[in-house]
Amino acid sequence: MMNDLLAHYGPFLLRGFGMTVLCWLLGTVGGMALGLAIALIQRYSIAPVRWVLRIYIEAIRGTPFLAQLFLLYYGGPMFGLRLDPIPAGLLGLSVYSSPYFAEIFRSAFGAVPIGQIEAARAIGMSEPSIVRRILLPLGLVSALPAMVNFSIVLTKETVILSIITVPELMYQVQRMSAETFRYVEANLALALFFWGLVELISRLGRRFETRITKHLIERT
């Protein structure tokens, strides 16, 4: 019976897992890029712009991802924004994660020794060069553990995408449960898939952190 269950639903679960990984990866990259832009704008912009960005950060962090996704997917057409489930899910994940990444980058930039930045300005280095050669490399080392940790948290938020019919892993697990009434096996498969993904992200994060730290030590 178990072998028949796996033979029939295994391919659907694997496709759902692939969609979960894709949504997580693109949503995380989008959130990081948007969060980095927000952190840099906050650092170099005027006060009114910083206030607007602060309102955005607090609004997104203060509301559930489920509510944001519903507003985006079902409320978007009221404002002319019509998205299919997968683009809506990717945009939702990117927007939801961006304030958290923005705060991670902001804190990491604040940890960069001010003396190094002042020395770079003293020798005539431009602000874009300071950002590229000092702020980002040193800030990334401080930010990486928190970025990996939140990326792991974000993997679990992908299950909410099933609400808008994105065919990710939870969607396939719910389908399997509804058709077979084998809730334990279905959710056990869900837990094992996510455990494997989290382990992979953790190991890659540690390896990446080691390589970056070693590279910076060699440069200095």
Protein backbone atom coordinates (compact mmCIF):
# COMPACT_ATOMS: atom_id res chain seq x y z
CA MET A 1 0.00 0.00 0.00
CA MET A 2 2.77 2.44 0.93
CA ASN A 3 4.72 1.61 -2.21
CA ASP A 4 1.63 2.18 -4.35
CA LEU A 5 1.07 5.51 -2.60
CA LEU A 6 4.62 6.66 -3.28
CA ALA A 7 4.56 5.42 -6.85
CA HIS A 8 1.40 7.39 -7.60
CA TYR A 9 1.99 10.59 -5.64
CA GLY A 10 5.80 10.68 -5.56
CA PRO A 11 6.14 12.53 -8.89
CA PHE A 12 3.56 15.11 -7.81
CA LEU A 13 5.37 15.67 -4.51
CA LEU A 14 8.70 16.04 -6.31
CA ARG A 15 7.23 18.58 -8.73
CA GLY A 16 5.69 20.43 -5.81
CA PHE A 17 9.02 20.44 -4.00
CA GLY A 18 10.72 21.79 -7.11
CA MET A 19 8.17 24.59 -7.28
CA THR A 20 8.70 25.29 -3.57
CA VAL A 21 12.47 25.59 -4.07
CA LEU A 22 11.98 27.82 -7.12
CA CYS A 23 9.56 30.14 -5.32
CA TRP A 24 11.78 30.29 -2.24
CA LEU A 25 14.92 30.98 -4.28
CA LEU A 26 13.45 33.70 -6.50
CA GLY A 27 11.50 35.24 -3.62
CA THR A 28 14.62 35.32 -1.43
CA VAL A 29 16.79 36.85 -4.17
CA GLY A 30 14.09 39.45 -4.90
CA GLY A 31 13.72 40.26 -1.21
CA MET A 32 17.48 40.59 -0.75
CA ALA A 33 17.81 42.91 -3.74
CA LEU A 34 14.90 45.08 -2.62
CA GLY A 35 16.10 45.04 0.98
CA LEU A 36 19.61 46.09 -0.04
CA ALA A 37 18.20 48.96 -2.09
CA ILE A 38 16.06 50.07 0.85
CA ALA A 39 19.02 49.93 3.26
CA LEU A 40 21.24 51.96 0.94
CA ILE A 41 18.52 54.54 0.27
CA GLN A 42 17.92 54.88 4.00
CA ARG A 43 21.63 55.43 4.55
CA TYR A 44 22.12 58.10 1.88
CA SER A 45 18.72 59.76 1.37
CA ILE A 46 17.06 62.75 3.02
CA ALA A 47 14.84 62.48 6.08
CA PRO A 48 11.39 62.46 4.35
CA VAL A 49 12.45 59.52 2.16
CA ARG A 50 13.72 57.65 5.21
CA TRP A 51 10.38 58.23 6.95
CA VAL A 52 8.47 56.78 3.99
CA LEU A 53 10.71 53.73 3.93
CA ARG A 54 10.34 53.30 7.68
CA ILE A 55 6.54 53.30 7.30
CA TYR A 56 6.87 50.66 4.56
CA ILE A 57 9.11 48.50 6.73
CA GLU A 58 6.85 48.67 9.75
CA ALA A 59 3.68 48.10 7.70
CA ILE A 60 5.03 44.95 6.04
CA ARG A 61 6.62 43.57 9.21
CA GLY A 62 3.48 44.32 11.22
CA THR A 63 1.03 42.40 9.02
CA PRO A 64 0.77 38.65 8.32
CA PHE A 65 2.09 37.31 5.02
CA LEU A 66 -1.27 35.62 4.42
CA ALA A 67 -3.09 38.96 4.56
CA GLN A 68 -0.53 40.58 2.25
CA LEU A 69 -0.86 37.73 -0.26
CA PHE A 70 -4.65 37.95 -0.24
CA LEU A 71 -4.53 41.70 -0.81
CA LEU A 72 -2.03 41.30 -3.65
CA TYR A 73 -3.75 38.44 -5.46
CA TYR A 74 -7.43 39.10 -4.82
CA GLY A 75 -7.30 42.85 -4.23
CA GLY A 76 -4.79 43.67 -6.96
CA PRO A 77 -7.38 43.60 -9.80
CA MET A 78 -9.20 46.47 -8.09
CA PHE A 79 -6.13 48.61 -8.86
CA GLY A 80 -5.39 47.13 -12.27
CA LEU A 81 -2.83 44.62 -11.03
CA ARG A 82 -3.78 41.18 -12.36
CA LEU A 83 -1.24 38.46 -11.67
CA ASP A 84 -1.24 34.72 -12.16
CA PRO A 85 -0.68 32.64 -9.01
CA ILE A 86 3.07 32.04 -9.47
CA PRO A 87 4.05 35.68 -10.27
CA ALA A 88 1.81 36.84 -7.43
CA GLY A 89 3.50 34.40 -5.05
CA LEU A 90 6.98 35.47 -6.11
CA LEU A 91 6.14 39.16 -5.78
CA GLY A 92 4.47 38.52 -2.43
CA LEU A 93 7.51 36.68 -1.05
CA SER A 94 9.87 39.40 -2.31
CA VAL A 95 7.84 42.21 -0.77
CA TYR A 96 7.27 40.33 2.49
CA SER A 97 10.97 39.53 2.97
CA SER A 98 12.39 42.87 1.84
CA PRO A 99 11.92 44.79 5.15
CA TYR A 100 13.61 42.01 7.12
CA PHE A 101 16.57 41.95 4.76
CA ALA A 102 16.65 45.76 4.80
CA GLU A 103 16.99 45.74 8.59
CA ILE A 104 19.67 43.05 8.41
CA PHE A 105 21.68 45.12 5.93
CA ARG A 106 21.13 48.34 7.90
CA SER A 107 22.48 46.72 11.06
CA ALA A 108 25.42 45.20 9.17
CA PHE A 109 26.35 48.52 7.58
CA GLY A 110 26.25 50.14 11.01
CA ALA A 111 28.79 47.58 12.24
CA VAL A 112 31.38 48.58 9.63
CA PRO A 113 34.13 50.61 11.39
CA ILE A 114 33.57 54.30 10.65
CA GLY A 115 37.34 54.81 10.54
CA GLN A 116 37.64 52.76 7.36
CA ILE A 117 34.92 54.78 5.65
CA GLU A 118 36.46 58.10 6.74
CA ALA A 119 39.89 56.93 5.53
CA ALA A 120 38.42 56.06 2.14
CA ARG A 121 36.82 59.49 1.87
CA ALA A 122 40.08 61.13 2.91
CA ILE A 123 41.92 59.61 -0.04
CA GLY A 124 39.20 60.76 -2.42
CA MET A 125 37.29 57.54 -2.93
CA SER A 126 33.77 58.11 -4.27
CA GLU A 127 30.70 56.98 -2.33
CA PRO A 128 29.78 54.25 -4.88
CA SER A 129 33.33 52.89 -4.56
CA ILE A 130 33.08 52.99 -0.77
CA VAL A 131 29.83 51.04 -0.93
CA ARG A 132 31.23 48.49 -3.38
CA ARG A 133 34.69 48.00 -1.87
CA ILE A 134 34.16 48.60 1.85
CA LEU A 135 30.55 48.73 2.98
CA LEU A 136 29.24 45.69 1.10
CA PRO A 137 32.17 43.27 1.68
CA LEU A 138 32.51 44.01 5.39
CA GLY A 139 28.77 44.31 5.95
CA LEU A 140 28.10 41.01 4.21
CA VAL A 141 30.23 39.13 6.74
CA SER A 142 28.17 40.55 9.60
CA ALA A 143 24.87 40.08 7.78
CA LEU A 144 25.36 36.55 6.47
CA PRO A 145 24.29 34.54 9.58
CA ALA A 146 21.10 36.58 9.93
CA MET A 147 20.44 36.36 6.18
CA VAL A 148 20.78 32.58 6.23
CA ASN A 149 18.56 32.34 9.29
CA PHE A 150 15.79 34.43 7.74
CA SER A 151 16.12 32.56 4.45
CA ILE A 152 15.38 29.38 6.39
CA VAL A 153 12.34 31.02 7.96
CA LEU A 154 11.21 32.07 4.48
CA THR A 155 11.21 28.47 3.25
CA LYS A 156 8.32 27.76 5.60
CA GLU A 157 6.36 30.79 4.39
CA THR A 158 6.16 29.21 0.93
CA VAL A 159 3.42 26.87 2.18
CA ILE A 160 1.08 29.87 2.28
CA LEU A 161 1.33 30.14 -1.51
CA SER A 162 -0.95 27.10 -1.75
CA ILE A 163 -3.80 29.41 -0.69
CA ILE A 164 -3.65 31.09 -4.10
CA THR A 165 -3.23 27.72 -5.89
CA VAL A 166 0.52 27.89 -6.53
CA PRO A 167 1.32 24.17 -7.14
CA GLU A 168 4.08 23.97 -4.55
CA LEU A 169 4.67 21.19 -2.04
CA MET A 170 1.87 22.04 0.41
CA TYR A 171 -0.61 22.21 -2.47
CA GLN A 172 0.40 18.70 -3.56
CA VAL A 173 0.32 17.40 0.02
CA GLN A 174 -3.20 18.75 0.50
CA ARG A 175 -4.23 17.10 -2.74
CA MET A 176 -2.74 13.78 -1.62
CA SER A 177 -4.46 14.03 1.78
CA ALA A 178 -7.84 14.88 0.28
CA GLU A 179 -7.74 12.00 -2.20
CA THR A 180 -6.35 9.28 0.08
CA PHE A 181 -7.18 10.42 3.63
CA ARG A 182 -3.57 9.49 4.50
CA TYR A 183 -2.83 12.67 6.44
CA VAL A 184 0.05 11.30 8.49
CA GLU A 185 2.04 10.06 5.50
CA ALA A 186 1.38 13.20 3.48
CA ASN A 187 2.48 15.57 6.22
CA LEU A 188 5.45 13.38 7.11
CA ALA A 189 6.60 13.72 3.51
CA LEU A 190 6.14 17.50 3.79
CA ALA A 191 8.25 17.61 6.96
CA LEU A 192 11.03 15.48 5.44
CA PHE A 193 11.25 17.60 2.30
CA PHE A 194 11.51 20.81 4.32
CA TRP A 195 14.01 19.31 6.73
CA GLY A 196 16.25 18.38 3.81
CA LEU A 197 15.95 21.86 2.31
CA VAL A 198 16.75 23.57 5.61
CA GLU A 199 19.80 21.35 6.14
CA LEU A 200 21.05 22.17 2.65
CA ILE A 201 20.62 25.93 3.17
CA SER A 202 22.36 25.79 6.56
CA ARG A 203 25.37 23.90 5.18
CA LEU A 204 25.70 26.15 2.15
CA GLY A 205 25.42 29.23 4.37
CA ARG A 206 28.19 28.05 6.68
CA ARG A 207 30.44 27.18 3.75
CA PHE A 208 29.81 30.55 2.10
CA GLU A 209 30.52 32.37 5.36
CA THR A 210 33.82 30.50 5.76
CA ARG A 211 34.92 31.33 2.22
CA ILE A 212 34.03 35.03 2.51
CA THR A 213 35.82 35.38 5.84
CA LYS A 214 38.90 33.63 4.45
CA HIS A 215 38.87 35.87 1.35
CA LEU A 216 38.69 39.05 3.43
CA ILE A 217 41.52 37.86 5.69
CA GLU A 218 43.69 37.18 2.63
CA ARG A 219 42.93 40.67 1.27
CA THR A 220 43.98 42.31 4.50
